[in-house]
Amino acid sequence: MPRADRVRPLAGLFALTLVGAALGSVSGAEPDAGTLLRESMQAPAKISYVGQLETVRFASNRANANIVKIEHLAPSSTRRWFVAPDSLYGDYIITRGPASYEFDPKHSVVTVSRNPVFADQVTADAIFDRAMTNYKCVETPSDSVAGRPTVSVVLMNKYTGERVVRVWLDRQTHLVLKREEYHANGAVASQMRFEELRYTSSLPEGIFATEAPAGYKQTKGRDYSMPTADIDKAIREAGFKPYTPKDLPQGFALVSGNATTIDGGVRTLHLVYSDGLRTLSLFENATGASPDFGTLRPRTVQFSGHDAQYVEDGPTTLLTWNEHGLHFALVGDLLRPELVEIAKSVVP
């Protein structure tokens, strides 16, 4: 089952892309907000920069923050070096296309993972189109971020009227300098912003080296399978009869799935639901394997006679329970009460 503090559902590619997206100059009339966002998805392949990035994720009883020095060399090389918190100081992550290399100098370990979704433009375009079906883009008053003037765009849910994401784009380059995600109650769930930024393409290739230094042990992380829209095939490969939710928030639909073997041979079915911006992952297995909550401390919530466990990490909530001989885990950019209502509909 998934580790709670590392899961970011695959269908959230659009939201993740906005973190470091930029775009080139646009000729003719001033582009509208939706056009800016669509073109920004192409930008990481066009612009290089260095800066300092702060990310804060808010939960009900705490806030977790990290600060990284970031260097991005177009088209697809990025290095993130952790400055804070102290527990991560000196760790760094190199990403090159779909491959990610997490270096842990304290323990002399490098962990290699691969996620083909992040290099698939067809998937990215489909996710964006789904988001534009369910969300309205509104340009709002803005200010400067990292000393640069910005254009601000809010994405609002067409069914509920709630704002879900707000981004601040560099007015000249359209790089996303700041992003906020919101809970359904309007509270800020997470914030990302550049504190320092400088555009440059004079970055030596050596800082993006992925070879393990002498004395390091290389370990294998998650190799995500490419999700498939052939849900029936994924269910057949799972090897057990799955259950799916009957009650989903408006705009959400089942978009992909895959069956993989994780955590020492546990056959797990992963179904992804999305409205294009927010995502919901349903993991289930027939062996009773529980998720790894990492450093997060789970709490208990009761529903339909079940004692379920949940953790919150910024906009993401993980809810787990056992039913009908299966172990379920729901992971989504939703509040706990919303996940509980969905969980109630998984097995009537």
Protein backbone atom coordinates (compact mmCIF):
# COMPACT_ATOMS: atom_id res chain seq x y z
CA MET A 1 0.00 0.00 0.00
CA PRO A 2 1.13 3.60 -0.50
CA ARG A 3 3.35 5.57 1.82
CA ALA A 4 1.30 8.51 3.03
CA ASP A 5 3.88 11.28 2.88
CA ARG A 6 5.01 10.40 -0.65
CA VAL A 7 1.76 9.74 -2.50
CA ARG A 8 0.74 12.29 -5.13
CA PRO A 9 -1.91 10.70 -7.32
CA LEU A 10 -0.87 10.33 -10.95
CA ALA A 11 -3.81 12.23 -12.39
CA GLY A 12 -2.63 15.38 -10.63
CA LEU A 13 -0.10 16.01 -13.39
CA PHE A 14 -1.73 19.32 -14.35
CA ALA A 15 -1.49 20.73 -10.82
CA LEU A 16 2.09 19.51 -10.42
CA THR A 17 3.13 20.96 -13.75
CA LEU A 18 2.02 24.42 -12.61
CA VAL A 19 4.77 24.43 -9.95
CA GLY A 20 7.56 25.19 -12.37
CA ALA A 21 5.80 26.00 -15.61
CA ALA A 22 6.67 28.89 -17.88
CA LEU A 23 5.98 29.94 -21.44
CA GLY A 24 7.51 32.01 -24.17
CA SER A 25 6.21 35.30 -25.49
CA VAL A 26 2.80 35.31 -27.14
CA SER A 27 2.26 37.48 -30.16
CA GLY A 28 -0.94 39.29 -31.00
CA ALA A 29 -3.74 39.86 -28.49
CA GLU A 30 -3.23 39.34 -24.78
CA PRO A 31 -3.99 35.65 -24.06
CA ASP A 32 -6.84 34.77 -21.73
CA ALA A 33 -6.32 32.95 -18.42
CA GLY A 34 -7.07 29.50 -19.82
CA THR A 35 -4.62 30.00 -22.70
CA LEU A 36 -1.90 31.08 -20.27
CA LEU A 37 -2.34 27.92 -18.23
CA ARG A 38 -2.41 25.61 -21.27
CA GLU A 39 0.74 27.11 -22.75
CA SER A 40 2.49 27.07 -19.37
CA MET A 41 2.49 23.28 -19.47
CA GLN A 42 4.98 23.41 -22.34
CA ALA A 43 7.29 25.90 -20.65
CA PRO A 44 9.72 23.74 -18.62
CA ALA A 45 11.22 22.61 -21.92
CA LYS A 46 11.86 26.24 -22.92
CA ILE A 47 13.18 28.17 -19.93
CA SER A 48 16.03 27.69 -17.43
CA TYR A 49 16.36 29.32 -14.02
CA VAL A 50 17.79 29.13 -10.50
CA GLY A 51 16.06 30.18 -7.30
CA GLN A 52 14.92 29.39 -3.80
CA LEU A 53 11.51 27.81 -3.37
CA GLU A 54 9.47 27.57 -0.15
CA THR A 55 6.59 25.10 0.21
CA VAL A 56 4.21 24.98 3.18
CA ARG A 57 1.55 22.29 3.63
CA PHE A 58 -1.15 22.98 6.22
CA ALA A 59 -2.99 20.26 8.16
CA SER A 60 -5.64 20.65 10.86
CA ASN A 61 -3.11 20.84 13.70
CA ARG A 62 0.25 21.70 12.14
CA ALA A 63 2.12 23.18 9.19
CA ASN A 64 5.04 21.47 7.46
CA ALA A 65 7.46 23.63 5.51
CA ASN A 66 10.51 22.98 3.38
CA ILE A 67 12.90 25.27 1.52
CA VAL A 68 14.90 24.14 -1.49
CA LYS A 69 17.50 25.66 -3.75
CA ILE A 70 16.30 24.80 -7.24
CA GLU A 71 18.15 24.74 -10.57
CA HIS A 72 16.30 23.91 -13.76
CA LEU A 73 17.98 23.44 -17.12
CA ALA A 74 15.59 23.15 -20.06
CA PRO A 75 14.31 20.88 -21.36
CA SER A 76 14.08 18.34 -18.54
CA SER A 77 16.84 18.50 -15.89
CA THR A 78 16.10 19.76 -12.36
CA ARG A 79 18.07 19.74 -9.11
CA ARG A 80 16.44 20.47 -5.74
CA TRP A 81 18.72 20.87 -2.71
CA PHE A 82 17.03 21.00 0.72
CA VAL A 83 17.88 23.92 2.99
CA ALA A 84 15.15 23.25 5.57
CA PRO A 85 13.94 21.52 7.68
CA ASP A 86 17.05 20.33 9.52
CA SER A 87 16.07 16.68 9.02
CA LEU A 88 16.39 17.11 5.24
CA TYR A 89 19.28 19.58 5.12
CA GLY A 90 21.76 18.55 2.45
CA ASP A 91 19.48 15.99 0.78
CA TYR A 92 18.92 16.62 -2.91
CA ILE A 93 16.80 15.28 -5.75
CA ILE A 94 17.79 15.13 -9.42
CA THR A 95 15.02 14.65 -11.96
CA ARG A 96 15.71 13.96 -15.61
CA GLY A 97 12.54 13.36 -17.59
CA PRO A 98 10.57 10.54 -15.91
CA ALA A 99 13.48 9.45 -13.68
CA SER A 100 14.04 10.76 -10.14
CA TYR A 101 17.20 10.27 -8.04
CA GLU A 102 16.88 11.02 -4.30
CA PHE A 103 20.30 11.46 -2.67
CA ASP A 104 20.56 11.02 1.12
CA PRO A 105 24.14 12.02 2.13
CA LYS A 106 23.52 11.26 5.82
CA HIS A 107 23.01 7.58 5.04
CA SER A 108 24.97 7.41 1.75
CA VAL A 109 21.93 6.18 -0.18
CA VAL A 110 20.47 7.15 -3.55
CA THR A 111 16.94 5.98 -4.38
CA VAL A 112 15.92 5.75 -8.04
CA SER A 113 12.26 5.99 -9.10
CA ARG A 114 10.50 6.35 -12.45
CA ASN A 115 7.12 7.76 -13.36
CA PRO A 116 6.35 7.75 -17.10
CA VAL A 117 3.29 9.98 -16.65
CA PHE A 118 5.47 13.05 -16.19
CA ALA A 119 6.95 12.64 -19.67
CA ASP A 120 3.70 11.89 -21.48
CA GLN A 121 2.26 14.93 -23.30
CA VAL A 122 -0.90 13.11 -24.44
CA THR A 123 -1.82 12.41 -20.81
CA ALA A 124 -1.05 16.00 -19.83
CA ASP A 125 -3.31 17.38 -22.59
CA ALA A 126 -6.17 15.08 -21.58
CA ILE A 127 -5.87 16.15 -17.94
CA PHE A 128 -5.90 19.83 -18.91
CA ASP A 129 -9.00 19.41 -21.10
CA ARG A 130 -10.80 17.70 -18.21
CA ALA A 131 -9.85 20.53 -15.87
CA MET A 132 -11.21 23.14 -18.26
CA THR A 133 -14.50 21.21 -18.40
CA ASN A 134 -14.93 21.38 -14.64
CA TYR A 135 -13.21 24.66 -13.72
CA LYS A 136 -13.46 28.31 -14.67
CA CYS A 137 -10.29 30.41 -15.01
CA VAL A 138 -10.58 33.94 -13.63
CA GLU A 139 -7.87 36.60 -13.75
CA THR A 140 -7.65 38.45 -10.40
CA PRO A 141 -5.73 41.44 -8.98
CA SER A 142 -2.10 40.57 -8.37
CA ASP A 143 1.13 41.82 -6.83
CA SER A 144 4.84 41.14 -7.12
CA VAL A 145 6.50 37.88 -6.09
CA ALA A 146 10.29 37.50 -5.72
CA GLY A 147 10.56 41.09 -6.91
CA ARG A 148 8.78 40.45 -10.22
CA PRO A 149 5.34 41.68 -11.37
CA THR A 150 2.78 38.91 -11.84
CA VAL A 151 -0.54 37.95 -13.39
CA SER A 152 -2.86 36.06 -11.02
CA VAL A 153 -5.29 33.34 -12.12
CA VAL A 154 -7.87 31.54 -9.94
CA LEU A 155 -9.42 28.20 -10.88
CA MET A 156 -12.99 27.91 -9.57
CA ASN A 157 -15.12 24.76 -9.48
CA LYS A 158 -18.04 25.21 -11.89
CA TYR A 159 -20.37 23.06 -9.75
CA THR A 160 -19.70 24.49 -6.28
CA GLY A 161 -18.26 27.93 -7.03
CA GLU A 162 -15.32 27.18 -4.72
CA ARG A 163 -11.84 28.36 -5.60
CA VAL A 164 -9.45 25.42 -5.63
CA VAL A 165 -6.13 26.80 -6.92
CA ARG A 166 -4.64 30.26 -7.44
CA VAL A 167 -1.40 30.84 -9.33
CA TRP A 168 0.76 33.92 -9.79
CA LEU A 169 2.54 34.01 -13.18
CA ASP A 170 5.59 36.12 -13.95
CA ARG A 171 4.13 38.85 -16.16
CA GLN A 172 7.07 38.67 -18.58
CA THR A 173 7.94 34.95 -18.73
CA HIS A 174 4.76 33.46 -17.22
CA LEU A 175 6.77 31.23 -14.91
CA VAL A 176 4.60 30.27 -11.93
CA LEU A 177 6.11 32.20 -9.03
CA LYS A 178 3.51 31.31 -6.42
CA ARG A 179 0.70 28.80 -6.06
CA GLU A 180 -1.95 28.22 -3.40
CA GLU A 181 -4.30 25.26 -3.04
CA TYR A 182 -7.47 25.56 -0.96
CA HIS A 183 -9.70 23.26 1.05
CA ALA A 184 -13.44 23.21 0.35
CA ASN A 185 -13.96 25.47 3.39
CA GLY A 186 -11.72 28.15 1.83
CA ALA A 187 -8.70 27.58 4.08
CA VAL A 188 -5.26 27.46 2.47
CA ALA A 189 -4.14 23.83 2.17
CA SER A 190 -0.69 24.45 0.71
CA GLN A 191 1.42 27.28 -0.63
CA MET A 192 4.46 27.31 -2.89
CA ARG A 193 6.40 30.49 -3.70
CA PHE A 194 9.76 31.59 -5.02
CA GLU A 195 11.68 33.70 -2.51
CA GLU A 196 14.54 34.25 -4.98
CA LEU A 197 14.65 33.80 -8.75
CA ARG A 198 17.11 34.39 -11.57
CA TYR A 199 16.72 33.33 -15.19
CA THR A 200 19.83 31.80 -16.72
CA SER A 201 20.84 28.99 -19.03
CA SER A 202 24.47 29.00 -17.79
CA LEU A 203 24.12 25.87 -15.69
CA PRO A 204 26.83 23.18 -15.85
CA GLU A 205 25.59 19.70 -16.74
CA GLY A 206 27.64 18.31 -13.85
CA ILE A 207 25.19 19.53 -11.20
CA PHE A 208 22.59 17.20 -12.71
CA ALA A 209 24.81 14.10 -12.50
CA THR A 210 22.88 11.00 -11.43
CA GLU A 211 25.74 8.58 -10.77
CA ALA A 212 25.92 7.45 -7.15
CA PRO A 213 29.00 8.93 -5.40
CA ALA A 214 31.66 6.55 -4.12
CA GLY A 215 30.45 4.68 -1.05
CA TYR A 216 26.77 5.21 -1.78
CA LYS A 217 24.26 2.36 -1.93
CA GLN A 218 21.77 2.59 -4.77
CA THR A 219 18.25 1.38 -4.00
CA LYS A 220 15.19 1.01 -6.19
CA GLY A 221 12.21 3.23 -5.40
CA ARG A 222 8.79 3.09 -7.03
CA ASP A 223 8.62 2.35 -10.74
CA TYR A 224 5.11 3.50 -11.55
CA SER A 225 3.33 1.70 -14.32
CA MET A 226 1.79 3.81 -17.04
CA PRO A 227 -1.90 3.99 -16.09
CA THR A 228 -4.28 2.60 -18.67
CA ALA A 229 -7.79 3.63 -19.63
CA ASP A 230 -8.53 -0.09 -20.07
CA ILE A 231 -9.97 -0.48 -16.56
CA ASP A 232 -11.28 -4.00 -17.26
CA LYS A 233 -7.73 -5.13 -18.07
CA ALA A 234 -6.39 -3.64 -14.82
CA ILE A 235 -9.14 -5.37 -12.82
CA ARG A 236 -8.41 -8.73 -14.45
CA GLU A 237 -4.73 -8.37 -13.62
CA ALA A 238 -5.49 -7.58 -9.97
CA GLY A 239 -6.50 -11.19 -9.33
CA PHE A 240 -9.44 -10.41 -7.00
CA LYS A 241 -12.94 -8.93 -7.21
CA PRO A 242 -12.60 -5.19 -6.55
CA TYR A 243 -15.16 -2.66 -5.32
CA THR A 244 -15.53 0.90 -6.56
CA PRO A 245 -17.24 4.01 -5.10
CA LYS A 246 -20.81 4.80 -6.17
CA ASP A 247 -20.79 8.37 -4.86
CA LEU A 248 -18.20 10.86 -6.16
CA PRO A 249 -18.04 14.67 -6.15
CA GLN A 250 -19.43 16.29 -9.30
CA GLY A 251 -16.98 16.32 -12.17
CA PHE A 252 -14.97 13.30 -10.97
CA ALA A 253 -14.69 10.30 -13.27
CA LEU A 254 -12.65 7.09 -13.39
CA VAL A 255 -9.79 7.91 -15.76
CA SER A 256 -7.17 5.18 -15.38
CA GLY A 257 -5.96 2.21 -13.39
CA ASN A 258 -3.23 -0.32 -13.05
CA ALA A 259 -2.45 -3.48 -11.11
CA THR A 260 1.03 -3.66 -9.61
CA THR A 261 2.97 -5.75 -7.13
CA ILE A 262 4.41 -3.64 -4.31
CA ASP A 263 5.73 -3.93 -0.76
CA GLY A 264 7.14 -7.43 -0.86
CA GLY A 265 4.74 -9.05 -3.31
CA VAL A 266 1.39 -7.45 -2.44
CA ARG A 267 -0.82 -7.39 -5.54
CA THR A 268 -2.54 -4.01 -5.51
CA LEU A 269 -5.18 -2.45 -7.73
CA HIS A 270 -4.86 1.32 -8.16
CA LEU A 271 -7.84 3.21 -9.63
CA VAL A 272 -7.52 6.94 -10.38
CA TYR A 273 -10.49 9.33 -10.40
CA SER A 274 -10.09 12.97 -11.39
CA ASP A 275 -11.89 16.18 -12.27
CA GLY A 276 -8.76 17.38 -14.06
CA LEU A 277 -7.39 19.37 -11.15
CA ARG A 278 -8.13 17.39 -8.00
CA THR A 279 -7.48 13.66 -7.86
CA LEU A 280 -8.67 10.65 -5.92
CA SER A 281 -6.79 7.34 -5.83
CA LEU A 282 -8.35 4.11 -4.58
CA PHE A 283 -5.87 1.37 -3.64
CA GLU A 284 -7.13 -2.08 -2.69
CA ASN A 285 -5.56 -5.46 -2.04
CA ALA A 286 -6.69 -8.84 -0.78
CA THR A 287 -3.77 -9.50 1.58
CA GLY A 288 -4.53 -6.98 4.33
CA ALA A 289 -1.32 -5.02 3.72
CA SER A 290 -1.51 -1.63 5.45
CA PRO A 291 -0.06 1.66 4.17
CA ASP A 292 3.17 3.14 5.45
CA PHE A 293 2.18 6.40 7.16
CA GLY A 294 5.82 7.53 7.23
CA THR A 295 6.35 10.29 9.77
CA LEU A 296 2.63 11.12 9.91
CA ARG A 297 0.58 10.00 12.93
CA PRO A 298 -2.77 8.46 11.94
CA ARG A 299 -6.05 9.25 13.68
CA THR A 300 -9.18 7.12 13.95
CA VAL A 301 -12.58 7.91 12.45
CA GLN A 302 -15.65 5.67 12.55
CA PHE A 303 -18.19 5.16 9.77
CA SER A 304 -20.60 2.36 8.86
CA GLY A 305 -19.30 0.22 11.73
CA HIS A 306 -15.65 0.55 10.68
CA ASP A 307 -12.69 1.94 12.60
CA ALA A 308 -10.77 3.68 9.85
CA GLN A 309 -7.46 5.50 10.06
CA TYR A 310 -6.59 8.77 8.35
CA VAL A 311 -3.79 11.30 8.03
CA GLU A 312 -3.76 14.79 6.52
CA ASP A 313 -0.84 16.38 4.69
CA GLY A 314 -1.69 19.77 3.24
CA PRO A 315 -4.43 19.34 0.62
CA THR A 316 -4.01 15.54 0.62
CA THR A 317 -5.87 13.16 2.92
CA LEU A 318 -5.31 9.38 3.24
CA LEU A 319 -8.12 7.20 4.64
CA THR A 320 -7.74 3.42 5.17
CA TRP A 321 -10.09 0.64 6.32
CA ASN A 322 -10.84 -3.09 5.92
CA GLU A 323 -14.04 -4.50 4.46
CA HIS A 324 -15.23 -7.69 2.75
CA GLY A 325 -11.80 -9.30 3.05
CA LEU A 326 -10.07 -6.40 1.29
CA HIS A 327 -7.90 -3.56 2.50
CA PHE A 328 -8.80 -0.13 1.08
CA ALA A 329 -6.91 3.16 0.95
CA LEU A 330 -8.39 6.37 -0.44
CA VAL A 331 -5.94 9.19 -1.18
CA GLY A 332 -7.26 12.50 -2.43
CA ASP A 333 -6.99 16.27 -2.54
CA LEU A 334 -10.18 16.37 -0.47
CA LEU A 335 -11.19 16.96 3.14
CA ARG A 336 -11.68 14.01 5.51
CA PRO A 337 -15.50 14.28 5.60
CA GLU A 338 -15.57 14.14 1.79
CA LEU A 339 -13.39 11.00 1.74
CA VAL A 340 -15.55 9.36 4.42
CA GLU A 341 -18.69 9.90 2.29
CA ILE A 342 -16.93 8.36 -0.71
CA ALA A 343 -15.68 5.43 1.43
CA LYS A 344 -19.26 4.71 2.58
CA SER A 345 -20.23 4.14 -1.06
CA VAL A 346 -17.35 1.78 -1.92
CA VAL A 347 -19.02 -1.26 -0.36
CA PRO A 348 -22.74 -0.62 0.31
